C-alpha atoms as a PDB file:
ATOM      1  CA  MET A   1      57.086  -6.598  35.572  1.00  0.00           C
ATOM      2  CA  THR A   2      53.638  -7.585  36.810  1.00  0.00           C
ATOM      3  CA  LEU A   3      52.342 -11.001  37.804  1.00  0.00           C
ATOM      4  CA  THR A   4      50.027 -11.089  34.760  1.00  0.00           C
ATOM      5  CA  SER A   5      52.828 -10.427  32.282  1.00  0.00           C
ATOM      6  CA  LEU A   6      55.112 -12.907  34.015  1.00  0.00           C
ATOM      7  CA  LEU A   7      52.569 -15.701  33.610  1.00  0.00           C
ATOM      8  CA  ALA A   8      51.212 -14.821  30.153  1.00  0.00           C
ATOM      9  CA  PRO A   9      52.314 -18.197  28.671  1.00  0.00           C
ATOM     10  CA  TYR A  10      49.953 -19.970  31.099  1.00  0.00           C
ATOM     11  CA  ARG A  11      46.791 -18.288  29.805  1.00  0.00           C
ATOM     12  CA  PRO A  12      44.223 -20.649  28.272  1.00  0.00           C
ATOM     13  CA  THR A  13      44.178 -20.617  24.455  1.00  0.00           C
ATOM     14  CA  ARG A  14      41.287 -20.657  21.988  1.00  0.00           C
ATOM     15  CA  LYS A  15      42.570 -23.997  20.716  1.00  0.00           C
ATOM     16  CA  GLY A  16      42.290 -25.417  24.235  1.00  0.00           C
ATOM     17  CA  LEU A  17      38.709 -24.152  24.562  1.00  0.00           C
ATOM     18  CA  LEU A  18      37.683 -25.746  21.246  1.00  0.00           C
ATOM     19  CA  LEU A  19      39.353 -28.986  22.254  1.00  0.00           C
ATOM     20  CA  SER A  20      37.472 -28.898  25.553  1.00  0.00           C
ATOM     21  CA  LEU A  21      34.118 -28.439  23.821  1.00  0.00           C
ATOM     22  CA  ALA A  22      34.890 -31.313  21.455  1.00  0.00           C
ATOM     23  CA  MET A  23      35.815 -33.600  24.359  1.00  0.00           C
ATOM     24  CA  VAL A  24      32.610 -32.686  26.201  1.00  0.00           C
ATOM     25  CA  ALA A  25      30.554 -33.582  23.120  1.00  0.00           C
ATOM     26  CA  VAL A  26      32.338 -36.925  22.828  1.00  0.00           C
ATOM     27  CA  LEU A  27      31.877 -37.675  26.528  1.00  0.00           C
ATOM     28  CA  VAL A  28      28.144 -36.997  26.390  1.00  0.00           C
ATOM     29  CA  ALA A  29      27.646 -39.112  23.272  1.00  0.00           C
ATOM     30  CA  LEU A  30      29.717 -42.148  24.241  1.00  0.00           C
ATOM     31  CA  PRO A  31      27.419 -43.587  26.947  1.00  0.00           C
ATOM     32  CA  LEU A  32      24.489 -43.376  24.528  1.00  0.00           C
ATOM     33  CA  ILE A  33      26.420 -45.385  21.924  1.00  0.00           C
ATOM     34  CA  ALA A  34      27.710 -47.969  24.415  1.00  0.00           C
ATOM     35  CA  ALA A  35      25.178 -50.729  24.905  1.00  0.00           C
ATOM     36  CA  ASP A  36      26.852 -53.439  26.978  1.00  0.00           C
ATOM     37  CA  SER A  37      27.605 -53.318  30.686  1.00  0.00           C
ATOM     38  CA  TYR A  38      31.379 -53.748  30.326  1.00  0.00           C
ATOM     39  CA  THR A  39      31.719 -50.741  28.018  1.00  0.00           C
ATOM     40  CA  LEU A  40      29.817 -48.572  30.474  1.00  0.00           C
ATOM     41  CA  HIS A  41      32.050 -49.830  33.290  1.00  0.00           C
ATOM     42  CA  PHE A  42      35.127 -48.999  31.222  1.00  0.00           C
ATOM     43  CA  LEU A  43      33.832 -45.482  30.514  1.00  0.00           C
ATOM     44  CA  TRP A  44      33.135 -45.037  34.207  1.00  0.00           C
ATOM     45  CA  LYS A  45      36.737 -46.003  35.041  1.00  0.00           C
ATOM     46  CA  VAL A  46      38.164 -43.507  32.560  1.00  0.00           C
ATOM     47  CA  LEU A  47      35.951 -40.744  33.939  1.00  0.00           C
ATOM     48  CA  PHE A  48      36.743 -41.688  37.529  1.00  0.00           C
ATOM     49  CA  TRP A  49      40.524 -41.604  37.089  1.00  0.00           C
ATOM     50  CA  ALA A  50      40.241 -38.365  35.129  1.00  0.00           C
ATOM     51  CA  LEU A  51      38.228 -36.868  38.012  1.00  0.00           C
ATOM     52  CA  ALA A  52      40.707 -38.048  40.664  1.00  0.00           C
ATOM     53  CA  ALA A  53      43.683 -36.766  38.648  1.00  0.00           C
ATOM     54  CA  ALA A  54      41.951 -33.434  37.951  1.00  0.00           C
ATOM     55  CA  ALA A  55      41.363 -32.962  41.674  1.00  0.00           C
ATOM     56  CA  TRP A  56      45.040 -33.766  42.384  1.00  0.00           C
ATOM     57  CA  ASN A  57      46.112 -31.419  39.584  1.00  0.00           C
ATOM     58  CA  ILE A  58      44.882 -28.329  41.442  1.00  0.00           C
ATOM     59  CA  ALA A  59      47.420 -28.827  44.226  1.00  0.00           C
ATOM     60  CA  GLY A  60      50.094 -30.838  42.416  1.00  0.00           C
ATOM     61  CA  GLY A  61      49.941 -29.183  38.994  1.00  0.00           C
ATOM     62  CA  TYR A  62      48.890 -25.583  39.533  1.00  0.00           C
ATOM     63  CA  ALA A  63      50.342 -24.941  42.989  1.00  0.00           C
ATOM     64  CA  GLY A  64      53.382 -27.229  42.764  1.00  0.00           C
ATOM     65  CA  GLN A  65      52.381 -29.047  45.973  1.00  0.00           C
ATOM     66  CA  PHE A  66      53.438 -32.482  44.735  1.00  0.00           C
ATOM     67  CA  SER A  67      51.405 -34.709  47.029  1.00  0.00           C
ATOM     68  CA  LEU A  68      51.720 -38.496  47.170  1.00  0.00           C
ATOM     69  CA  GLY A  69      49.208 -38.788  49.988  1.00  0.00           C
ATOM     70  CA  HIS A  70      45.997 -37.784  48.221  1.00  0.00           C
ATOM     71  CA  ALA A  71      44.576 -41.195  49.031  1.00  0.00           C
ATOM     72  CA  ALA A  72      43.930 -39.790  52.516  1.00  0.00           C
ATOM     73  CA  PHE A  73      41.449 -37.225  51.171  1.00  0.00           C
ATOM     74  CA  PHE A  74      39.906 -39.754  48.806  1.00  0.00           C
ATOM     75  CA  GLY A  75      39.555 -42.263  51.639  1.00  0.00           C
ATOM     76  CA  LEU A  76      37.974 -39.701  53.955  1.00  0.00           C
ATOM     77  CA  GLY A  77      35.318 -39.038  51.339  1.00  0.00           C
ATOM     78  CA  ALA A  78      34.675 -42.738  50.755  1.00  0.00           C
ATOM     79  CA  TYR A  79      34.610 -43.685  54.444  1.00  0.00           C
ATOM     80  CA  GLY A  80      32.806 -40.525  55.561  1.00  0.00           C
ATOM     81  CA  SER A  81      29.735 -40.913  53.366  1.00  0.00           C
ATOM     82  CA  THR A  82      29.664 -44.705  53.792  1.00  0.00           C
ATOM     83  CA  LEU A  83      29.815 -44.622  57.590  1.00  0.00           C
ATOM     84  CA  LEU A  84      27.150 -41.911  57.768  1.00  0.00           C
ATOM     85  CA  TYR A  85      24.914 -43.973  55.500  1.00  0.00           C
ATOM     86  CA  MET A  86      25.432 -47.319  57.260  1.00  0.00           C
ATOM     87  CA  HIS A  87      25.355 -46.121  60.887  1.00  0.00           C
ATOM     88  CA  PHE A  88      23.023 -43.131  60.708  1.00  0.00           C
ATOM     89  CA  GLY A  89      21.008 -43.664  57.520  1.00  0.00           C
ATOM     90  CA  LEU A  90      22.173 -40.374  56.025  1.00  0.00           C
ATOM     91  CA  SER A  91      21.910 -40.079  52.244  1.00  0.00           C
ATOM     92  CA  PRO A  92      25.287 -40.201  50.430  1.00  0.00           C
ATOM     93  CA  TRP A  93      24.322 -36.991  48.631  1.00  0.00           C
ATOM     94  CA  ILE A  94      24.558 -35.252  52.016  1.00  0.00           C
ATOM     95  CA  GLY A  95      27.314 -37.425  53.486  1.00  0.00           C
ATOM     96  CA  MET A  96      29.426 -36.655  50.421  1.00  0.00           C
ATOM     97  CA  PHE A  97      29.794 -33.020  51.474  1.00  0.00           C
ATOM     98  CA  ILE A  98      30.346 -33.886  55.135  1.00  0.00           C
ATOM     99  CA  GLY A  99      33.151 -36.245  54.138  1.00  0.00           C
ATOM    100  CA  ALA A 100      34.553 -33.546  51.856  1.00  0.00           C
ATOM    101  CA  GLY A 101      34.486 -31.105  54.775  1.00  0.00           C
ATOM    102  CA  ALA A 102      36.447 -33.589  56.882  1.00  0.00           C
ATOM    103  CA  ALA A 103      38.970 -33.912  54.061  1.00  0.00           C
ATOM    104  CA  VAL A 104      39.372 -30.118  53.916  1.00  0.00           C
ATOM    105  CA  ALA A 105      39.982 -30.003  57.679  1.00  0.00           C
ATOM    106  CA  PHE A 106      42.589 -32.758  57.396  1.00  0.00           C
ATOM    107  CA  ALA A 107      44.205 -31.015  54.416  1.00  0.00           C
ATOM    108  CA  THR A 108      44.347 -27.724  56.326  1.00  0.00           C
ATOM    109  CA  LEU A 109      46.108 -29.514  59.181  1.00  0.00           C
ATOM    110  CA  ILE A 110      48.619 -31.030  56.782  1.00  0.00           C
ATOM    111  CA  GLY A 111      49.140 -27.691  55.055  1.00  0.00           C
ATOM    112  CA  ALA A 112      49.675 -25.841  58.337  1.00  0.00           C
ATOM    113  CA  LEU A 113      52.271 -28.382  59.489  1.00  0.00           C
ATOM    114  CA  THR A 114      54.141 -28.523  56.178  1.00  0.00           C
ATOM    115  CA  LEU A 115      54.194 -24.873  55.088  1.00  0.00           C
ATOM    116  CA  ARG A 116      57.985 -24.793  54.932  1.00  0.00           C
ATOM    117  CA  LEU A 117      58.341 -28.055  53.024  1.00  0.00           C
ATOM    118  CA  GLN A 118      58.761 -28.174  49.261  1.00  0.00           C
ATOM    119  CA  GLY A 119      59.407 -30.755  46.557  1.00  0.00           C
ATOM    120  CA  PRO A 120      60.295 -34.255  47.761  1.00  0.00           C
ATOM    121  CA  PHE A 121      60.053 -33.253  51.423  1.00  0.00           C
ATOM    122  CA  PHE A 122      56.399 -32.274  51.025  1.00  0.00           C
ATOM    123  CA  ALA A 123      55.727 -35.478  49.069  1.00  0.00           C
ATOM    124  CA  LEU A 124      57.220 -37.600  51.871  1.00  0.00           C
ATOM    125  CA  ALA A 125      55.254 -35.716  54.511  1.00  0.00           C
ATOM    126  CA  SER A 126      52.011 -36.285  52.593  1.00  0.00           C
ATOM    127  CA  ILE A 127      52.745 -40.014  52.451  1.00  0.00           C
ATOM    128  CA  ALA A 128      53.333 -40.067  56.203  1.00  0.00           C
ATOM    129  CA  PHE A 129      50.003 -38.358  56.975  1.00  0.00           C
ATOM    130  CA  ALA A 130      48.135 -40.724  54.657  1.00  0.00           C
ATOM    131  CA  GLU A 131      49.736 -43.745  56.346  1.00  0.00           C
ATOM    132  CA  VAL A 132      48.773 -42.440  59.793  1.00  0.00           C
ATOM    133  CA  LEU A 133      45.157 -42.155  58.660  1.00  0.00           C
ATOM    134  CA  ARG A 134      45.216 -45.637  57.119  1.00  0.00           C
ATOM    135  CA  ILE A 135      46.593 -47.201  60.319  1.00  0.00           C
ATOM    136  CA  ALA A 136      43.952 -45.386  62.402  1.00  0.00           C
ATOM    137  CA  ILE A 137      41.136 -46.695  60.207  1.00  0.00           C
ATOM    138  CA  VAL A 138      42.549 -50.235  60.204  1.00  0.00           C
ATOM    139  CA  ASN A 139      42.708 -50.301  63.998  1.00  0.00           C
ATOM    140  CA  TRP A 140      39.262 -48.786  64.589  1.00  0.00           C
ATOM    141  CA  ARG A 141      37.575 -52.093  63.729  1.00  0.00           C
ATOM    142  CA  SER A 142      34.328 -51.548  65.629  1.00  0.00           C
ATOM    143  CA  PHE A 143      33.420 -48.512  63.518  1.00  0.00           C
ATOM    144  CA  THR A 144      35.330 -48.747  60.237  1.00  0.00           C
ATOM    145  CA  GLY A 145      35.478 -52.514  59.760  1.00  0.00           C
ATOM    146  CA  GLY A 146      39.254 -52.591  60.098  1.00  0.00           C
ATOM    147  CA  ALA A 147      41.367 -54.163  57.377  1.00  0.00           C
ATOM    148  CA  GLU A 148      38.339 -55.988  55.957  1.00  0.00           C
ATOM    149  CA  GLY A 149      36.688 -52.714  55.039  1.00  0.00           C
ATOM    150  CA  LEU A 150      32.992 -51.995  54.591  1.00  0.00           C
ATOM    151  CA  SER A 151      30.476 -53.513  52.211  1.00  0.00           C
ATOM    152  CA  LEU A 152      27.499 -51.331  51.324  1.00  0.00           C
ATOM    153  CA  PRO A 153      24.104 -53.050  51.062  1.00  0.00           C
ATOM    154  CA  PHE A 154      22.726 -52.611  47.571  1.00  0.00           C
ATOM    155  CA  ASP A 155      19.435 -50.715  47.780  1.00  0.00           C
ATOM    156  CA  PRO A 156      18.813 -48.982  44.437  1.00  0.00           C
ATOM    157  CA  SER A 157      17.326 -45.509  44.714  1.00  0.00           C
ATOM    158  CA  PHE A 158      18.341 -41.971  43.840  1.00  0.00           C
ATOM    159  CA  ALA A 159      18.477 -41.008  47.527  1.00  0.00           C
ATOM    160  CA  ASN A 160      20.966 -43.824  48.187  1.00  0.00           C
ATOM    161  CA  MET A 161      23.036 -42.931  45.086  1.00  0.00           C
ATOM    162  CA  MET A 162      22.645 -46.534  43.885  1.00  0.00           C
ATOM    163  CA  PHE A 163      21.227 -47.546  40.516  1.00  0.00           C
ATOM    164  CA  SER A 164      20.493 -50.756  38.667  1.00  0.00           C
ATOM    165  CA  ASP A 165      21.566 -49.232  35.357  1.00  0.00           C
ATOM    166  CA  ARG A 166      25.256 -48.327  35.061  1.00  0.00           C
ATOM    167  CA  LEU A 167      24.389 -45.493  32.697  1.00  0.00           C
ATOM    168  CA  TRP A 168      23.347 -43.413  35.733  1.00  0.00           C
ATOM    169  CA  TYR A 169      26.763 -43.895  37.320  1.00  0.00           C
ATOM    170  CA  VAL A 170      28.509 -42.878  34.110  1.00  0.00           C
ATOM    171  CA  TYR A 171      26.549 -39.642  33.763  1.00  0.00           C
ATOM    172  CA  ILE A 172      26.955 -38.750  37.445  1.00  0.00           C
ATOM    173  CA  MET A 173      30.721 -39.250  37.172  1.00  0.00           C
ATOM    174  CA  MET A 174      30.741 -37.284  33.923  1.00  0.00           C
ATOM    175  CA  ALA A 175      28.851 -34.406  35.548  1.00  0.00           C
ATOM    176  CA  ALA A 176      31.312 -34.368  38.450  1.00  0.00           C
ATOM    177  CA  LEU A 177      34.263 -34.324  36.036  1.00  0.00           C
ATOM    178  CA  LEU A 178      32.792 -31.465  34.013  1.00  0.00           C
ATOM    179  CA  VAL A 179      32.217 -29.461  37.190  1.00  0.00           C
ATOM    180  CA  VAL A 180      35.839 -29.977  38.244  1.00  0.00           C
ATOM    181  CA  LEU A 181      37.084 -28.999  34.768  1.00  0.00           C
ATOM    182  CA  LEU A 182      34.934 -25.859  34.906  1.00  0.00           C
ATOM    183  CA  ILE A 183      36.366 -25.016  38.330  1.00  0.00           C
ATOM    184  CA  THR A 184      39.853 -25.555  36.927  1.00  0.00           C
ATOM    185  CA  TYR A 185      39.209 -23.260  33.953  1.00  0.00           C
ATOM    186  CA  VAL A 186      37.815 -20.522  36.196  1.00  0.00           C
ATOM    187  CA  LEU A 187      40.723 -20.958  38.594  1.00  0.00           C
ATOM    188  CA  GLU A 188      43.257 -20.787  35.769  1.00  0.00           C
ATOM    189  CA  ARG A 189      41.890 -17.487  34.501  1.00  0.00           C
ATOM    190  CA  SER A 190      41.569 -15.874  37.938  1.00  0.00           C
ATOM    191  CA  TRP A 191      44.056 -13.977  40.060  1.00  0.00           C
ATOM    192  CA  ILE A 192      44.465 -16.939  42.411  1.00  0.00           C
ATOM    193  CA  GLY A 193      45.356 -19.098  39.400  1.00  0.00           C
ATOM    194  CA  TYR A 194      48.154 -16.732  38.432  1.00  0.00           C
ATOM    195  CA  ALA A 195      49.277 -16.628  42.050  1.00  0.00           C
ATOM    196  CA  LEU A 196      49.425 -20.427  42.258  1.00  0.00           C
ATOM    197  CA  ALA A 197      51.408 -20.647  39.022  1.00  0.00           C
ATOM    198  CA  ALA A 198      53.839 -17.982  40.236  1.00  0.00           C
ATOM    199  CA  MET A 199      54.298 -19.836  43.519  1.00  0.00           C
ATOM    200  CA  ARG A 200      54.914 -23.060  41.612  1.00  0.00           C
ATOM    201  CA  GLU A 201      57.596 -21.499  39.424  1.00  0.00           C
ATOM    202  CA  ASN A 202      59.400 -19.472  42.099  1.00  0.00           C
ATOM    203  CA  GLU A 203      57.991 -19.051  45.587  1.00  0.00           C
ATOM    204  CA  GLU A 204      60.386 -16.267  46.606  1.00  0.00           C
ATOM    205  CA  ALA A 205      59.641 -14.253  43.460  1.00  0.00           C
ATOM    206  CA  ALA A 206      55.911 -14.758  43.985  1.00  0.00           C
ATOM    207  CA  GLU A 207      56.176 -13.385  47.518  1.00  0.00           C
ATOM    208  CA  ALA A 208      58.120 -10.402  46.200  1.00  0.00           C
ATOM    209  CA  LEU A 209      55.231  -9.728  43.788  1.00  0.00           C
ATOM    210  CA  GLY A 210      52.771  -9.695  46.677  1.00  0.00           C
ATOM    211  CA  VAL A 211      51.457 -13.261  46.635  1.00  0.00           C
ATOM    212  CA  ASP A 212      50.402 -14.585  50.035  1.00  0.00           C
ATOM    213  CA  THR A 213      51.946 -18.034  49.579  1.00  0.00           C
ATOM    214  CA  VAL A 214      50.600 -19.363  52.897  1.00  0.00           C
ATOM    215  CA  ARG A 215      46.990 -18.714  51.926  1.00  0.00           C
ATOM    216  CA  ALA A 216      47.653 -19.913  48.382  1.00  0.00           C
ATOM    217  CA  LYS A 217      49.004 -23.243  49.623  1.00  0.00           C
ATOM    218  CA  LEU A 218      46.141 -23.785  52.048  1.00  0.00           C
ATOM    219  CA  PHE A 219      43.585 -22.858  49.406  1.00  0.00           C
ATOM    220  CA  SER A 220      45.031 -25.199  46.780  1.00  0.00           C
ATOM    221  CA  ILE A 221      45.399 -28.208  49.064  1.00  0.00           C
ATOM    222  CA  GLY A 222      41.968 -27.575  50.605  1.00  0.00           C
ATOM    223  CA  LEU A 223      40.160 -27.344  47.250  1.00  0.00           C
ATOM    224  CA  SER A 224      42.042 -30.369  45.940  1.00  0.00           C
ATOM    225  CA  ALA A 225      41.115 -32.368  49.046  1.00  0.00           C
ATOM    226  CA  PHE A 226      37.448 -31.372  48.776  1.00  0.00           C
ATOM    227  CA  LEU A 227      37.201 -32.564  45.179  1.00  0.00           C
ATOM    228  CA  SER A 228      39.168 -35.736  45.919  1.00  0.00           C
ATOM    229  CA  ALA A 229      36.725 -36.594  48.716  1.00  0.00           C
ATOM    230  CA  ILE A 230      33.798 -36.116  46.320  1.00  0.00           C
ATOM    231  CA  ALA A 231      35.455 -38.628  43.999  1.00  0.00           C
ATOM    232  CA  GLY A 232      35.822 -40.991  46.966  1.00  0.00           C
ATOM    233  CA  THR A 233      32.087 -40.948  47.669  1.00  0.00           C
ATOM    234  CA  LEU A 234      31.231 -41.606  44.017  1.00  0.00           C
ATOM    235  CA  TYR A 235      33.694 -44.495  43.998  1.00  0.00           C
ATOM    236  CA  ALA A 236      32.275 -46.069  47.162  1.00  0.00           C
ATOM    237  CA  ASN A 237      28.685 -45.953  45.942  1.00  0.00           C
ATOM    238  CA  TYR A 238      29.626 -47.575  42.656  1.00  0.00           C
ATOM    239  CA  ILE A 239      31.989 -50.292  43.854  1.00  0.00           C
ATOM    240  CA  LEU A 240      29.957 -50.867  47.083  1.00  0.00           C
ATOM    241  CA  LEU A 241      33.120 -52.047  48.840  1.00  0.00           C
ATOM    242  CA  ILE A 242      35.859 -49.933  50.411  1.00  0.00           C
ATOM    243  CA  GLU A 243      39.052 -51.296  51.948  1.00  0.00           C
ATOM    244  CA  PRO A 244      41.986 -49.414  53.494  1.00  0.00           C
ATOM    245  CA  SER A 245      44.389 -51.302  51.240  1.00  0.00           C
ATOM    246  CA  THR A 246      42.596 -49.834  48.213  1.00  0.00           C
ATOM    247  CA  VAL A 247      41.234 -46.376  48.973  1.00  0.00           C
ATOM    248  CA  LEU A 248      44.048 -45.367  51.333  1.00  0.00           C
ATOM    249  CA  SER A 249      47.017 -46.978  49.596  1.00  0.00           C
ATOM    250  CA  ILE A 250      50.085 -45.130  48.350  1.00  0.00           C
ATOM    251  CA  GLY A 251      49.587 -46.932  45.050  1.00  0.00           C
ATOM    252  CA  PHE A 252      46.382 -44.988  44.471  1.00  0.00           C
ATOM    253  CA  SER A 253      48.126 -41.677  45.172  1.00  0.00           C
ATOM    254  CA  VAL A 254      50.959 -42.534  42.798  1.00  0.00           C
ATOM    255  CA  GLU A 255      48.591 -43.566  40.019  1.00  0.00           C
ATOM    256  CA  ILE A 256      46.553 -40.364  40.042  1.00  0.00           C
ATOM    257  CA  ALA A 257      49.770 -38.318  40.073  1.00  0.00           C
ATOM    258  CA  LEU A 258      51.110 -40.382  37.160  1.00  0.00           C
ATOM    259  CA  ILE A 259      47.954 -39.765  35.117  1.00  0.00           C
ATOM    260  CA  ALA A 260      48.215 -36.005  35.662  1.00  0.00           C
ATOM    261  CA  ILE A 261      51.951 -35.952  34.851  1.00  0.00           C
ATOM    262  CA  ILE A 262      51.561 -37.904  31.619  1.00  0.00           C
ATOM    263  CA  GLY A 263      48.568 -35.847  30.499  1.00  0.00           C
ATOM    264  CA  GLY A 264      50.104 -32.531  31.490  1.00  0.00           C
ATOM    265  CA  MET A 265      50.267 -30.972  34.939  1.00  0.00           C
ATOM    266  CA  GLY A 266      48.914 -27.480  35.363  1.00  0.00           C
ATOM    267  CA  THR A 267      46.473 -27.816  32.448  1.00  0.00           C
ATOM    268  CA  PRO A 268      42.715 -28.457  32.674  1.00  0.00           C
ATOM    269  CA  LEU A 269      42.621 -31.257  30.102  1.00  0.00           C
ATOM    270  CA  GLY A 270      45.912 -32.921  31.030  1.00  0.00           C
ATOM    271  CA  PRO A 271      44.353 -35.341  33.562  1.00  0.00           C
ATOM    272  CA  VAL A 272      41.649 -36.295  31.051  1.00  0.00           C
ATOM    273  CA  LEU A 273      44.196 -37.106  28.338  1.00  0.00           C
ATOM    274  CA  GLY A 274      46.290 -39.028  30.854  1.00  0.00           C
ATOM    275  CA  ALA A 275      43.297 -41.119  31.907  1.00  0.00           C
ATOM    276  CA  VAL A 276      42.366 -41.813  28.280  1.00  0.00           C
ATOM    277  CA  LEU A 277      45.879 -43.206  27.744  1.00  0.00           C
ATOM    278  CA  ILE A 278      46.581 -44.944  31.054  1.00  0.00           C
ATOM    279  CA  VAL A 279      43.258 -46.673  31.787  1.00  0.00           C
ATOM    280  CA  PRO A 280      43.048 -48.638  28.505  1.00  0.00           C
ATOM    281  CA  LEU A 281      46.729 -49.527  28.800  1.00  0.00           C
ATOM    282  CA  SER A 282      46.227 -50.727  32.377  1.00  0.00           C
ATOM    283  CA  GLU A 283      43.156 -52.778  31.430  1.00  0.00           C
ATOM    284  CA  TYR A 284      45.000 -54.448  28.573  1.00  0.00           C
ATOM    285  CA  LEU A 285      48.132 -55.286  30.571  1.00  0.00           C
ATOM    286  CA  ARG A 286      46.188 -56.661  33.532  1.00  0.00           C
ATOM    287  CA  ALA A 287      43.990 -58.803  31.279  1.00  0.00           C
ATOM    288  CA  GLU A 288      46.931 -60.049  29.196  1.00  0.00           C
ATOM    289  CA  PHE A 289      49.489 -60.752  31.921  1.00  0.00           C
ATOM    290  CA  ALA A 290      47.433 -61.119  35.122  1.00  0.00           C
ATOM    291  CA  GLY A 291      48.182 -64.832  35.445  1.00  0.00           C
ATOM    292  CA  SER A 292      51.797 -65.146  34.311  1.00  0.00           C
ATOM    293  CA  LEU A 293      53.461 -61.776  34.873  1.00  0.00           C
ATOM    294  CA  GLN A 294      51.698 -60.022  37.730  1.00  0.00           C
ATOM    295  CA  GLY A 295      52.882 -56.503  38.345  1.00  0.00           C
ATOM    296  CA  LEU A 296      54.104 -56.033  34.766  1.00  0.00           C
ATOM    297  CA  TYR A 297      51.841 -53.006  34.379  1.00  0.00           C
ATOM    298  CA  LEU A 298      53.853 -51.228  37.085  1.00  0.00           C
ATOM    299  CA  LEU A 299      57.032 -51.763  35.056  1.00  0.00           C
ATOM    300  CA  VAL A 300      55.307 -50.421  31.957  1.00  0.00           C
ATOM    301  CA  TYR A 301      54.054 -47.419  33.949  1.00  0.00           C
ATOM    302  CA  GLY A 302      57.596 -46.650  35.066  1.00  0.00           C
ATOM    303  CA  ALA A 303      59.013 -46.979  31.560  1.00  0.00           C
ATOM    304  CA  LEU A 304      56.229 -44.811  30.143  1.00  0.00           C
ATOM    305  CA  LEU A 305      56.840 -42.143  32.770  1.00  0.00           C
ATOM    306  CA  ILE A 306      60.583 -42.075  31.978  1.00  0.00           C
ATOM    307  CA  VAL A 307      59.907 -41.713  28.258  1.00  0.00           C
ATOM    308  CA  MET A 308      57.360 -38.970  28.865  1.00  0.00           C
ATOM    309  CA  VAL A 309      59.707 -37.013  31.122  1.00  0.00           C
ATOM    310  CA  ILE A 310      62.473 -37.203  28.493  1.00  0.00           C
ATOM    311  CA  VAL A 311      60.408 -36.606  25.359  1.00  0.00           C
ATOM    312  CA  LEU A 312      57.398 -34.628  26.636  1.00  0.00           C
ATOM    313  CA  PRO A 313      58.328 -33.105  30.000  1.00  0.00           C
ATOM    314  CA  GLN A 314      55.151 -30.964  29.916  1.00  0.00           C
ATOM    315  CA  GLY A 315      52.900 -33.942  29.157  1.00  0.00           C
ATOM    316  CA  LEU A 316      50.621 -34.765  26.242  1.00  0.00           C
ATOM    317  CA  MET A 317      49.072 -31.283  26.306  1.00  0.00           C
ATOM    318  CA  SER A 318      52.392 -29.804  25.195  1.00  0.00           C
ATOM    319  CA  ALA A 319      52.233 -31.925  22.033  1.00  0.00           C
ATOM    320  CA  ILE A 320      48.763 -30.532  21.262  1.00  0.00           C
ATOM    321  CA  ARG A 321      49.675 -26.937  22.021  1.00  0.00           C
ATOM    322  CA  ALA A 322      53.031 -26.979  20.179  1.00  0.00           C
ATOM    323  CA  PRO A 323      53.125 -29.893  17.707  1.00  0.00           C
ATOM    324  CA  ARG A 324      56.113 -28.580  15.717  1.00  0.00           C
ATOM    325  CA  ALA A 325      58.267 -28.140  18.804  1.00  0.00           C
ATOM    326  CA  THR A 326      57.240 -31.611  19.945  1.00  0.00           C
ATOM    327  CA  ALA A 327      58.204 -33.110  16.563  1.00  0.00           C
ATOM    328  CA  ARG A 328      61.630 -31.465  16.769  1.00  0.00           C
ATOM    329  CA  ARG A 329      62.081 -32.778  20.296  1.00  0.00           C
ATOM    330  CA  LEU A 330      61.153 -36.299  19.188  1.00  0.00           C
ATOM    331  CA  ARG A 331      63.629 -36.182  16.291  1.00  0.00           C
ATOM    332  CA  GLY A 332      66.332 -34.994  18.625  1.00  0.00           C
ATOM    333  CA  ALA A 333      65.526 -37.602  21.287  1.00  0.00           C
ATOM    334  CA  PHE A 334      65.635 -40.521  18.843  1.00  0.00           C
ATOM    335  CA  GLY A 335      68.579 -39.310  16.799  1.00  0.00           C
ATOM    336  CA  GLY A 336      66.570 -38.143  13.829  1.00  0.00           C
ATOM    337  CA  SER A 337      68.690 -35.047  13.362  1.00  0.00           C
ATOM    338  CA  THR A 338      72.421 -35.003  13.918  1.00  0.00           C
ATOM    339  CA  ARG A 339      73.186 -31.770  12.076  1.00  0.00           C
ATOM    340  CA  ARG A 340      75.008 -29.279  14.225  1.00  0.00           C
ATOM    341  CA  ARG A 341      74.862 -25.540  14.085  1.00  0.00           C
ATOM    342  CA  PRO A 342      78.000 -23.899  12.707  1.00  0.00           C
ATOM    343  CA  ILE A 343      80.309 -22.530  15.351  1.00  0.00           C
ATOM    344  CA  ARG A 344      80.739 -18.816  15.088  1.00  0.00           C
ATOM    345  CA  GLU A 345      84.361 -17.966  14.382  1.00  0.00           C
ATOM    346  CA  GLU A 346      85.959 -15.912  17.105  1.00  0.00           C
ATOM    347  CA  SER A 347      87.297 -12.530  16.212  1.00  0.00           C
ATOM    348  CA  ARG A 348      90.990 -12.505  15.372  1.00  0.00           C
ATOM    349  CA  HIS A 349      91.373  -9.038  16.767  1.00  0.00           C
ATOM    350  CA  ALA A 350      91.953  -8.549  20.431  1.00  0.00           C
END
């Protein structure tokens, strides 16, 4: 048995490619239809969370490195480009890649120290590293602004990655998301993609088939950190305010993981579908219950995650790829079919 035959079910399908092209067409057309500022802001949020979840998906979904500390890489990108811009006048377009390089270095350190950890142990270690970084930034007040964070002066220009029209921000975020999805598709169809999937399913078997799991882990966490840092820079130059309690919080890491899980881990479009579902739901719950029942959206998130794990353990993408199997699973989960298979009668002869 070869690695390619073992992972044949993970190959991209023609249906997935057509769905991707349709989603790209919709994404490009939506900002042109949207006229008001709030709609553009809402589109930007959907694209942003899809980008952050897609970056997480490379390590958490394809490689099985379930990280809950990705806020560290995101924060390094946000703080890196912002500090270089405010203290040294460096354009965010350049600072973005320097911050991403710092995130890769930090991810490589984490990967080297946690090579033997898997599952919940790796998740806890990632949280610990992210908290160490957050505490360091909070206490370095003279340079990072401490707990108060940093506020970027608004000076609209392409070089400063700041624009008066939100349409620019939407298309820049869309372009970044499409690049990440393209990287994911190429990765999925390559040898390293098969190696990551094999390592995710069974690390010992992958090693027996010749997969260098050490390099695979470092590659996946490094690429995921690089893309997460890019998302951090785009976030900082849109919001114009970064705080440790926001960009380095465990809540951020959990939310991007939740979006990828609900959409479908280990699939290119899973994070996009998750963002399309979660962001509108979050906006509605926060607007409806912000005054009376604060934190209700977290309860709804938890309930939604439980239902998804029970009904659609492979995420929303599994329902698109296998609708009949999903319908049978739904009927079984909600008691729609109670008919049992007949028990085969045992032979009376010894």
